[in-house]
Amino acid sequence: MWLRPSHSGLVFPKVGQTHVSRSAPPIRDHAPAASPAPSEARPLNMAVACGLWGCEDPSRWAAILECHREVLRARAGPQGQLEALDQWYREDLPMAIESRAEKHVTREELERLMAWKLARGRFRPRLQQLVATNPPELVVQRSAAAFRLLPDIQAAITELCGLRGVGPATASAVLAVGAPEVAAFMSDEAVAAVPGLPALQYTLKHYLLYLGQVQERARALSQGSASGSWTPHRVETALWTWTVGQKLCPYLLPDFSPSLDTPEDTRLAKKLRTQAD
C-alpha cells in the first residue's frame, strides 16, 4: 500500500540520546553537493511519485534491498573499486569491530571507510588526505569512546568529529557499521529520499533530524516484517538503492505500479495460455 509522505512534522530520537544543544556551533562535514543530474526518462507510477518512503510494506522495501548489489555495480562502473570497498564495509569491517574487546576502528580502517564514502558519493580527495594525518592511537581512542557513548548519538558523533577530516556524515558511517541498530549513514541520496526535512546541511543538527525519521521508519517496518527486523542501517541502504537506481538503472528495480490490465485483457491472456497448453 502506497501512502502520501507525511508533512505533519518530524519524529525526533529519544530525549537524552539525540538532543541538540542550541549553543553548540554546527559541525559540518563538507560543502553542499551540487544538484544531481535529472534522472532518465521513465513513466511515473505511484511508487516513483511518492518515493520509497511512501511505502509501508516491508516486503517491498526488502525487494529494493535485494537490488543493492546490481545498483551498486551500475554506480561503480567498469573498474569495480566501489564493489570491493562496499563488500569490505558491509562484511569484513563489522566482523573486525565486533571481534575486539572494545569496539573501535583503526586509522587504516578509517582511511578505507573514507575511500568507500567518497566512491559511493561525491569525491573530495582533500578529506582523504586529512584523515590520513590523524595519529593512529587517537583514531582508536576517539572511536572507542564514541561507541561507549551510544546510544547517545549526539555525543558519539561529536567525539568522532574531533578527528581531522571527519564530520557528521563520516562519523555516521563509522557508527552505522559498528552499531547498525542505532545509527544510519548520512548519505546524500538517503537524506534526499526522506520527505519533510529542511534543505540539506552537513551538520550534526541535520543528521539528528534525518536519523530520527529513519529510526522511526525502521521500527515501523520491523513491526510488519515477516523476514526479520529492520535497522536504521538497512533503511538507509534501501533508500540509497532506490534513489540511485531510479537515476541510473530504473529497469533493475521492481515495478510497484498497479496493474493497468482490464478484466477483458486478463480473460484474453488466460485464454491464450490455455490454447498454448
C-alpha atoms as a PDB file:
ATOM      1  CA  MET A   1       0.000   0.000   0.000  1.00  0.00           C
ATOM      2  CA  TRP A   2       1.418   3.381  -1.005  1.00  0.00           C
ATOM      3  CA  LEU A   3       0.818   6.422   1.169  1.00  0.00           C
ATOM      4  CA  ARG A   4       1.461  10.084   0.671  1.00  0.00           C
ATOM      5  CA  PRO A   5       4.571  11.291   2.526  1.00  0.00           C
ATOM      6  CA  SER A   6       3.638  12.888   5.795  1.00  0.00           C
ATOM      7  CA  HIS A   7       4.299  16.569   6.294  1.00  0.00           C
ATOM      8  CA  SER A   8       2.766  16.709   9.736  1.00  0.00           C
ATOM      9  CA  GLY A   9       6.095  17.057  11.484  1.00  0.00           C
ATOM     10  CA  LEU A  10       9.363  15.328  12.255  1.00  0.00           C
ATOM     11  CA  VAL A  11       9.890  12.372  14.554  1.00  0.00           C
ATOM     12  CA  PHE A  12      12.803  13.057  16.862  1.00  0.00           C
ATOM     13  CA  PRO A  13      15.039  10.494  18.584  1.00  0.00           C
ATOM     14  CA  LYS A  14      14.517   9.939  22.280  1.00  0.00           C
ATOM     15  CA  VAL A  15      15.399  12.750  24.629  1.00  0.00           C
ATOM     16  CA  GLY A  16      18.839  12.289  26.107  1.00  0.00           C
ATOM     17  CA  GLN A  17      20.054  10.312  23.121  1.00  0.00           C
ATOM     18  CA  THR A  18      19.884  12.855  20.332  1.00  0.00           C
ATOM     19  CA  HIS A  19      19.189  16.224  21.985  1.00  0.00           C
ATOM     20  CA  VAL A  20      20.648  19.106  20.031  1.00  0.00           C
ATOM     21  CA  SER A  21      22.320  21.861  22.038  1.00  0.00           C
ATOM     22  CA  ARG A  22      21.387  25.250  20.659  1.00  0.00           C
ATOM     23  CA  SER A  23      24.553  26.856  21.972  1.00  0.00           C
ATOM     24  CA  ALA A  24      26.919  24.441  20.252  1.00  0.00           C
ATOM     25  CA  PRO A  25      28.267  25.539  16.848  1.00  0.00           C
ATOM     26  CA  PRO A  26      27.229  23.318  13.948  1.00  0.00           C
ATOM     27  CA  ILE A  27      29.687  20.594  12.966  1.00  0.00           C
ATOM     28  CA  ARG A  28      29.982  20.471   9.199  1.00  0.00           C
ATOM     29  CA  ASP A  29      31.215  17.619   7.073  1.00  0.00           C
ATOM     30  CA  HIS A  30      31.637  19.431   3.766  1.00  0.00           C
ATOM     31  CA  ALA A  31      30.007  21.948   1.479  1.00  0.00           C
ATOM     32  CA  PRO A  32      26.590  21.123  -0.004  1.00  0.00           C
ATOM     33  CA  ALA A  33      26.837  18.938  -3.066  1.00  0.00           C
ATOM     34  CA  ALA A  34      25.740  20.133  -6.461  1.00  0.00           C
ATOM     35  CA  SER A  35      22.235  19.267  -7.573  1.00  0.00           C
ATOM     36  CA  PRO A  36      22.064  15.806  -9.116  1.00  0.00           C
ATOM     37  CA  ALA A  37      21.550  15.411 -12.823  1.00  0.00           C
ATOM     38  CA  PRO A  38      17.986  14.666 -13.933  1.00  0.00           C
ATOM     39  CA  SER A  39      17.133  11.004 -13.912  1.00  0.00           C
ATOM     40  CA  GLU A  40      16.455   9.014 -17.016  1.00  0.00           C
ATOM     41  CA  ALA A  41      13.025   9.483 -18.514  1.00  0.00           C
ATOM     42  CA  ARG A  42      10.564   6.950 -17.186  1.00  0.00           C
ATOM     43  CA  PRO A  43       6.764   6.951 -16.868  1.00  0.00           C
ATOM     44  CA  LEU A  44       5.917   7.903 -13.309  1.00  0.00           C
ATOM     45  CA  ASN A  45       3.850   5.443 -11.314  1.00  0.00           C
ATOM     46  CA  MET A  46       2.635   5.979  -7.775  1.00  0.00           C
ATOM     47  CA  ALA A  47       5.795   4.479  -6.279  1.00  0.00           C
ATOM     48  CA  VAL A  48       8.047   6.828  -8.184  1.00  0.00           C
ATOM     49  CA  ALA A  49       5.879   9.866  -7.459  1.00  0.00           C
ATOM     50  CA  CYS A  50       5.808   9.257  -3.707  1.00  0.00           C
ATOM     51  CA  GLY A  51       9.223   7.642  -3.402  1.00  0.00           C
ATOM     52  CA  LEU A  52      10.089   4.531  -1.470  1.00  0.00           C
ATOM     53  CA  TRP A  53       9.371   6.443   1.718  1.00  0.00           C
ATOM     54  CA  GLY A  54       5.665   6.401   0.844  1.00  0.00           C
ATOM     55  CA  CYS A  55       5.537   2.603   1.089  1.00  0.00           C
ATOM     56  CA  GLU A  56       4.697   0.837   4.353  1.00  0.00           C
ATOM     57  CA  ASP A  57       5.068  -2.742   3.033  1.00  0.00           C
ATOM     58  CA  PRO A  58       8.282  -4.332   4.417  1.00  0.00           C
ATOM     59  CA  SER A  59       8.354  -6.894   1.605  1.00  0.00           C
ATOM     60  CA  ARG A  60       8.650  -4.127  -0.968  1.00  0.00           C
ATOM     61  CA  TRP A  61      11.462  -2.477   0.957  1.00  0.00           C
ATOM     62  CA  ALA A  62      13.157  -5.880   1.067  1.00  0.00           C
ATOM     63  CA  ALA A  63      12.717  -6.227  -2.704  1.00  0.00           C
ATOM     64  CA  ILE A  64      14.555  -2.930  -3.193  1.00  0.00           C
ATOM     65  CA  LEU A  65      17.285  -4.024  -0.809  1.00  0.00           C
ATOM     66  CA  GLU A  66      17.840  -7.160  -2.876  1.00  0.00           C
ATOM     67  CA  CYS A  67      18.716  -4.932  -5.839  1.00  0.00           C
ATOM     68  CA  HIS A  68      21.504  -3.178  -3.931  1.00  0.00           C
ATOM     69  CA  ARG A  69      24.410  -5.117  -5.425  1.00  0.00           C
ATOM     70  CA  GLU A  70      23.217  -4.597  -9.013  1.00  0.00           C
ATOM     71  CA  VAL A  71      22.564  -0.886  -8.471  1.00  0.00           C
ATOM     72  CA  LEU A  72      25.960  -0.543  -6.799  1.00  0.00           C
ATOM     73  CA  ARG A  73      27.565  -2.190  -9.834  1.00  0.00           C
ATOM     74  CA  ALA A  74      25.856   0.347 -12.100  1.00  0.00           C
ATOM     75  CA  ARG A  75      27.140   3.174  -9.890  1.00  0.00           C
ATOM     76  CA  ALA A  76      30.658   1.744  -9.682  1.00  0.00           C
ATOM     77  CA  GLY A  77      31.349   1.494 -13.395  1.00  0.00           C
ATOM     78  CA  PRO A  78      33.763  -0.908 -15.083  1.00  0.00           C
ATOM     79  CA  GLN A  79      36.630  -0.573 -12.582  1.00  0.00           C
ATOM     80  CA  GLY A  80      34.646  -2.166  -9.754  1.00  0.00           C
ATOM     81  CA  GLN A  81      36.539  -0.456  -6.917  1.00  0.00           C
ATOM     82  CA  LEU A  82      33.313   0.567  -5.208  1.00  0.00           C
ATOM     83  CA  GLU A  83      32.041  -3.020  -5.214  1.00  0.00           C
ATOM     84  CA  ALA A  84      35.132  -4.266  -3.384  1.00  0.00           C
ATOM     85  CA  LEU A  85      35.010  -1.399  -0.895  1.00  0.00           C
ATOM     86  CA  ASP A  86      31.301  -1.909  -0.258  1.00  0.00           C
ATOM     87  CA  GLN A  87      31.773  -5.618   0.417  1.00  0.00           C
ATOM     88  CA  TRP A  88      34.549  -4.785   2.868  1.00  0.00           C
ATOM     89  CA  TYR A  89      32.410  -2.134   4.581  1.00  0.00           C
ATOM     90  CA  ARG A  90      29.357  -4.389   4.955  1.00  0.00           C
ATOM     91  CA  GLU A  91      31.024  -7.722   5.696  1.00  0.00           C
ATOM     92  CA  ASP A  92      34.662  -7.514   6.813  1.00  0.00           C
ATOM     93  CA  LEU A  93      34.660  -4.289   8.830  1.00  0.00           C
ATOM     94  CA  PRO A  94      31.663  -5.184  11.058  1.00  0.00           C
ATOM     95  CA  MET A  95      33.266  -8.515  11.926  1.00  0.00           C
ATOM     96  CA  ALA A  96      36.571  -6.824  12.733  1.00  0.00           C
ATOM     97  CA  ILE A  97      34.871  -4.309  15.038  1.00  0.00           C
ATOM     98  CA  GLU A  98      32.810  -6.986  16.809  1.00  0.00           C
ATOM     99  CA  SER A  99      35.855  -9.213  17.366  1.00  0.00           C
ATOM    100  CA  ARG A 100      37.605  -6.610  19.526  1.00  0.00           C
ATOM    101  CA  ALA A 101      37.352  -6.455  23.297  1.00  0.00           C
ATOM    102  CA  GLU A 102      36.237  -2.842  22.897  1.00  0.00           C
ATOM    103  CA  LYS A 103      34.635  -1.600  19.691  1.00  0.00           C
ATOM    104  CA  HIS A 104      36.806   0.794  17.730  1.00  0.00           C
ATOM    105  CA  VAL A 105      38.256   1.427  14.268  1.00  0.00           C
ATOM    106  CA  THR A 106      41.896   1.854  13.324  1.00  0.00           C
ATOM    107  CA  ARG A 107      43.298   4.683  11.241  1.00  0.00           C
ATOM    108  CA  GLU A 108      43.788   2.302   8.318  1.00  0.00           C
ATOM    109  CA  GLU A 109      40.120   1.301   8.556  1.00  0.00           C
ATOM    110  CA  LEU A 110      39.050   4.940   8.805  1.00  0.00           C
ATOM    111  CA  GLU A 111      41.030   5.751   5.661  1.00  0.00           C
ATOM    112  CA  ARG A 112      39.446   2.852   3.811  1.00  0.00           C
ATOM    113  CA  LEU A 113      35.989   3.816   5.069  1.00  0.00           C
ATOM    114  CA  MET A 114      36.582   7.322   3.722  1.00  0.00           C
ATOM    115  CA  ALA A 115      37.543   5.831   0.342  1.00  0.00           C
ATOM    116  CA  TRP A 116      34.240   3.888   0.374  1.00  0.00           C
ATOM    117  CA  LYS A 117      32.250   7.000   1.270  1.00  0.00           C
ATOM    118  CA  LEU A 118      33.839   9.120  -1.478  1.00  0.00           C
ATOM    119  CA  ALA A 119      33.485   6.382  -4.097  1.00  0.00           C
ATOM    120  CA  ARG A 120      29.804   5.974  -3.212  1.00  0.00           C
ATOM    121  CA  GLY A 121      29.027   9.682  -3.373  1.00  0.00           C
ATOM    122  CA  ARG A 122      30.854  12.915  -4.082  1.00  0.00           C
ATOM    123  CA  PHE A 123      34.627  12.517  -4.478  1.00  0.00           C
ATOM    124  CA  ARG A 124      36.644  15.001  -2.391  1.00  0.00           C
ATOM    125  CA  PRO A 125      40.317  13.914  -2.123  1.00  0.00           C
ATOM    126  CA  ARG A 126      41.107  16.587   0.480  1.00  0.00           C
ATOM    127  CA  LEU A 127      39.093  14.638   3.076  1.00  0.00           C
ATOM    128  CA  GLN A 128      41.131  11.510   2.359  1.00  0.00           C
ATOM    129  CA  GLN A 129      44.332  13.460   2.916  1.00  0.00           C
ATOM    130  CA  LEU A 130      43.103  14.952   6.194  1.00  0.00           C
ATOM    131  CA  VAL A 131      42.022  11.596   7.616  1.00  0.00           C
ATOM    132  CA  ALA A 132      45.496  10.195   6.945  1.00  0.00           C
ATOM    133  CA  THR A 133      47.063  12.870   9.177  1.00  0.00           C
ATOM    134  CA  ASN A 134      45.343  11.608  12.341  1.00  0.00           C
ATOM    135  CA  PRO A 135      47.666   9.800  14.789  1.00  0.00           C
ATOM    136  CA  PRO A 136      46.724   6.073  14.799  1.00  0.00           C
ATOM    137  CA  GLU A 137      46.330   5.965  18.585  1.00  0.00           C
ATOM    138  CA  LEU A 138      43.968   8.970  18.516  1.00  0.00           C
ATOM    139  CA  VAL A 139      41.684   7.256  15.995  1.00  0.00           C
ATOM    140  CA  VAL A 140      41.447   4.192  18.238  1.00  0.00           C
ATOM    141  CA  GLN A 141      40.888   6.337  21.328  1.00  0.00           C
ATOM    142  CA  ARG A 142      38.142   8.532  19.894  1.00  0.00           C
ATOM    143  CA  SER A 143      36.300   5.767  18.039  1.00  0.00           C
ATOM    144  CA  ALA A 144      36.289   3.578  21.156  1.00  0.00           C
ATOM    145  CA  ALA A 145      34.947   6.490  23.202  1.00  0.00           C
ATOM    146  CA  ALA A 146      32.256   7.118  20.583  1.00  0.00           C
ATOM    147  CA  PHE A 147      30.976   3.532  20.697  1.00  0.00           C
ATOM    148  CA  ARG A 148      30.931   3.665  24.509  1.00  0.00           C
ATOM    149  CA  LEU A 149      28.763   6.789  24.374  1.00  0.00           C
ATOM    150  CA  LEU A 150      25.988   5.074  22.413  1.00  0.00           C
ATOM    151  CA  PRO A 151      23.018   5.278  22.339  1.00  0.00           C
ATOM    152  CA  ASP A 152      23.755   8.996  22.839  1.00  0.00           C
ATOM    153  CA  ILE A 153      24.180   9.728  19.143  1.00  0.00           C
ATOM    154  CA  GLN A 154      24.941  13.415  19.594  1.00  0.00           C
ATOM    155  CA  ALA A 155      27.802  12.711  21.989  1.00  0.00           C
ATOM    156  CA  ALA A 156      29.164   9.876  19.858  1.00  0.00           C
ATOM    157  CA  ILE A 157      29.150  11.954  16.654  1.00  0.00           C
ATOM    158  CA  THR A 158      30.778  14.883  18.451  1.00  0.00           C
ATOM    159  CA  GLU A 159      33.533  12.606  19.767  1.00  0.00           C
ATOM    160  CA  LEU A 160      34.372  11.301  16.290  1.00  0.00           C
ATOM    161  CA  CYS A 161      34.266  14.797  14.799  1.00  0.00           C
ATOM    162  CA  GLY A 162      37.322  15.597  16.916  1.00  0.00           C
ATOM    163  CA  LEU A 163      39.339  13.732  14.272  1.00  0.00           C
ATOM    164  CA  ARG A 164      40.699  15.582  11.246  1.00  0.00           C
ATOM    165  CA  GLY A 165      38.644  15.168   8.104  1.00  0.00           C
ATOM    166  CA  VAL A 166      35.705  13.659   9.996  1.00  0.00           C
ATOM    167  CA  GLY A 167      32.340  15.410  10.008  1.00  0.00           C
ATOM    168  CA  PRO A 168      28.861  14.150  10.898  1.00  0.00           C
ATOM    169  CA  ALA A 169      28.473  12.168   7.660  1.00  0.00           C
ATOM    170  CA  THR A 170      31.757  10.270   8.028  1.00  0.00           C
ATOM    171  CA  ALA A 171      31.149   9.791  11.750  1.00  0.00           C
ATOM    172  CA  SER A 172      27.720   8.355  10.978  1.00  0.00           C
ATOM    173  CA  ALA A 173      29.323   5.816   8.617  1.00  0.00           C
ATOM    174  CA  VAL A 174      31.586   4.634  11.449  1.00  0.00           C
ATOM    175  CA  LEU A 175      28.714   4.274  13.910  1.00  0.00           C
ATOM    176  CA  ALA A 176      26.382   2.649  11.368  1.00  0.00           C
ATOM    177  CA  VAL A 177      28.814  -0.154  10.572  1.00  0.00           C
ATOM    178  CA  GLY A 178      29.584  -0.817  14.238  1.00  0.00           C
ATOM    179  CA  ALA A 179      26.111  -0.202  15.686  1.00  0.00           C
ATOM    180  CA  PRO A 180      23.576  -0.624  12.836  1.00  0.00           C
ATOM    181  CA  GLU A 181      20.694  -0.957  15.291  1.00  0.00           C
ATOM    182  CA  VAL A 182      21.237   2.659  16.383  1.00  0.00           C
ATOM    183  CA  ALA A 183      22.852   4.646  13.578  1.00  0.00           C
ATOM    184  CA  ALA A 184      22.422   5.186   9.836  1.00  0.00           C
ATOM    185  CA  PHE A 185      24.892   6.608   7.364  1.00  0.00           C
ATOM    186  CA  MET A 186      24.119  10.170   6.297  1.00  0.00           C
ATOM    187  CA  SER A 187      24.322   9.648   2.534  1.00  0.00           C
ATOM    188  CA  ASP A 188      23.094  12.438   0.277  1.00  0.00           C
ATOM    189  CA  GLU A 189      20.789  10.038  -1.542  1.00  0.00           C
ATOM    190  CA  ALA A 190      19.117   8.677   1.591  1.00  0.00           C
ATOM    191  CA  VAL A 191      18.639  12.138   3.092  1.00  0.00           C
ATOM    192  CA  ALA A 192      17.049  13.342  -0.143  1.00  0.00           C
ATOM    193  CA  ALA A 193      14.595  10.409  -0.027  1.00  0.00           C
ATOM    194  CA  VAL A 194      13.186  11.419   3.384  1.00  0.00           C
ATOM    195  CA  PRO A 195      10.383  13.975   2.922  1.00  0.00           C
ATOM    196  CA  GLY A 196       9.839  16.899   5.245  1.00  0.00           C
ATOM    197  CA  LEU A 197      13.486  17.634   6.026  1.00  0.00           C
ATOM    198  CA  PRO A 198      14.912  21.132   5.515  1.00  0.00           C
ATOM    199  CA  ALA A 199      17.485  21.809   2.797  1.00  0.00           C
ATOM    200  CA  LEU A 200      20.470  19.523   3.213  1.00  0.00           C
ATOM    201  CA  GLN A 201      23.206  20.749   5.523  1.00  0.00           C
ATOM    202  CA  TYR A 202      26.167  18.665   6.651  1.00  0.00           C
ATOM    203  CA  THR A 203      25.657  19.456  10.312  1.00  0.00           C
ATOM    204  CA  LEU A 204      25.007  17.446  13.435  1.00  0.00           C
ATOM    205  CA  LYS A 205      21.582  19.041  13.802  1.00  0.00           C
ATOM    206  CA  HIS A 206      20.532  17.974  10.309  1.00  0.00           C
ATOM    207  CA  TYR A 207      21.847  14.459  10.867  1.00  0.00           C
ATOM    208  CA  LEU A 208      19.796  14.081  14.041  1.00  0.00           C
ATOM    209  CA  LEU A 209      16.624  15.181  12.239  1.00  0.00           C
ATOM    210  CA  TYR A 210      17.284  12.654   9.469  1.00  0.00           C
ATOM    211  CA  LEU A 211      18.225   9.860  11.877  1.00  0.00           C
ATOM    212  CA  GLY A 212      15.091  10.371  13.943  1.00  0.00           C
ATOM    213  CA  GLN A 213      12.959   9.748  10.856  1.00  0.00           C
ATOM    214  CA  VAL A 214      14.990   6.721   9.788  1.00  0.00           C
ATOM    215  CA  GLN A 215      14.840   5.173  13.260  1.00  0.00           C
ATOM    216  CA  GLU A 216      11.076   5.602  13.311  1.00  0.00           C
ATOM    217  CA  ARG A 217      10.725   4.015   9.882  1.00  0.00           C
ATOM    218  CA  ALA A 218      12.919   1.079  10.943  1.00  0.00           C
ATOM    219  CA  ARG A 219      10.648   0.443  13.937  1.00  0.00           C
ATOM    220  CA  ALA A 220       7.526   0.590  11.757  1.00  0.00           C
ATOM    221  CA  LEU A 221       8.941  -1.795   9.153  1.00  0.00           C
ATOM    222  CA  SER A 222      10.075  -4.229  11.844  1.00  0.00           C
ATOM    223  CA  GLN A 223       6.571  -4.438  13.284  1.00  0.00           C
ATOM    224  CA  GLY A 224       5.095  -5.559   9.978  1.00  0.00           C
ATOM    225  CA  SER A 225       8.026  -7.626   8.743  1.00  0.00           C
ATOM    226  CA  ALA A 226       7.999 -11.406   8.469  1.00  0.00           C
ATOM    227  CA  SER A 227      11.642 -11.576   7.372  1.00  0.00           C
ATOM    228  CA  GLY A 228      13.487 -10.134  10.348  1.00  0.00           C
ATOM    229  CA  SER A 229      13.959  -6.763  11.993  1.00  0.00           C
ATOM    230  CA  TRP A 230      14.842  -3.558  10.185  1.00  0.00           C
ATOM    231  CA  THR A 231      17.677  -1.383  11.447  1.00  0.00           C
ATOM    232  CA  PRO A 232      18.371   2.253  10.569  1.00  0.00           C
ATOM    233  CA  HIS A 233      21.387   0.980   8.615  1.00  0.00           C
ATOM    234  CA  ARG A 234      19.188  -1.283   6.445  1.00  0.00           C
ATOM    235  CA  VAL A 235      16.679   1.517   5.867  1.00  0.00           C
ATOM    236  CA  GLU A 236      19.446   3.835   4.658  1.00  0.00           C
ATOM    237  CA  THR A 237      20.790   1.164   2.303  1.00  0.00           C
ATOM    238  CA  ALA A 238      17.331   0.644   0.808  1.00  0.00           C
ATOM    239  CA  LEU A 239      16.824   4.402   0.356  1.00  0.00           C
ATOM    240  CA  TRP A 240      20.221   4.770  -1.311  1.00  0.00           C
ATOM    241  CA  THR A 241      19.476   1.830  -3.616  1.00  0.00           C
ATOM    242  CA  TRP A 242      16.083   3.270  -4.574  1.00  0.00           C
ATOM    243  CA  THR A 243      17.369   6.800  -5.244  1.00  0.00           C
ATOM    244  CA  VAL A 244      20.455   5.774  -7.224  1.00  0.00           C
ATOM    245  CA  GLY A 245      18.544   3.040  -9.040  1.00  0.00           C
ATOM    246  CA  GLN A 246      15.841   5.465 -10.181  1.00  0.00           C
ATOM    247  CA  LYS A 247      18.537   7.718 -11.619  1.00  0.00           C
ATOM    248  CA  LEU A 248      20.947   5.227 -13.200  1.00  0.00           C
ATOM    249  CA  CYS A 249      19.109   1.967 -13.826  1.00  0.00           C
ATOM    250  CA  PRO A 250      15.356   2.069 -13.116  1.00  0.00           C
ATOM    251  CA  TYR A 251      14.925  -1.132 -15.136  1.00  0.00           C
ATOM    252  CA  LEU A 252      16.719  -3.051 -12.364  1.00  0.00           C
ATOM    253  CA  LEU A 253      14.187  -2.069  -9.704  1.00  0.00           C
ATOM    254  CA  PRO A 254      10.932  -3.934  -9.029  1.00  0.00           C
ATOM    255  CA  ASP A 255       7.868  -2.405 -10.663  1.00  0.00           C
ATOM    256  CA  PHE A 256       5.467  -1.469  -7.877  1.00  0.00           C
ATOM    257  CA  SER A 257       2.898   0.178 -10.114  1.00  0.00           C
ATOM    258  CA  PRO A 258      -0.622  -1.301 -10.017  1.00  0.00           C
ATOM    259  CA  SER A 259      -1.593  -3.419 -12.986  1.00  0.00           C
ATOM    260  CA  LEU A 260      -3.421  -1.498 -15.714  1.00  0.00           C
ATOM    261  CA  ASP A 261      -4.896  -4.627 -17.339  1.00  0.00           C
ATOM    262  CA  THR A 262      -8.644  -4.597 -17.827  1.00  0.00           C
ATOM    263  CA  PRO A 263     -10.775  -7.645 -16.968  1.00  0.00           C
ATOM    264  CA  GLU A 264     -11.027  -8.294 -20.724  1.00  0.00           C
ATOM    265  CA  ASP A 265      -7.216  -8.275 -21.036  1.00  0.00           C
ATOM    266  CA  THR A 266      -6.926 -10.738 -18.152  1.00  0.00           C
ATOM    267  CA  ARG A 267      -9.517 -13.107 -19.647  1.00  0.00           C
ATOM    268  CA  LEU A 268      -7.791 -12.959 -23.044  1.00  0.00           C
ATOM    269  CA  ALA A 269      -4.407 -13.723 -21.502  1.00  0.00           C
ATOM    270  CA  LYS A 270      -5.853 -16.732 -19.693  1.00  0.00           C
ATOM    271  CA  LYS A 271      -7.479 -17.962 -22.931  1.00  0.00           C
ATOM    272  CA  LEU A 272      -4.204 -17.681 -24.843  1.00  0.00           C
ATOM    273  CA  ARG A 273      -2.318 -19.559 -22.142  1.00  0.00           C
ATOM    274  CA  THR A 274      -4.937 -22.315 -22.222  1.00  0.00           C
ATOM    275  CA  GLN A 275      -4.658 -22.612 -26.011  1.00  0.00           C
ATOM    276  CA  ALA A 276      -0.872 -22.757 -25.738  1.00  0.00           C
ATOM    277  CA  ASP A 277      -1.105 -25.599 -23.242  1.00  0.00           C
END
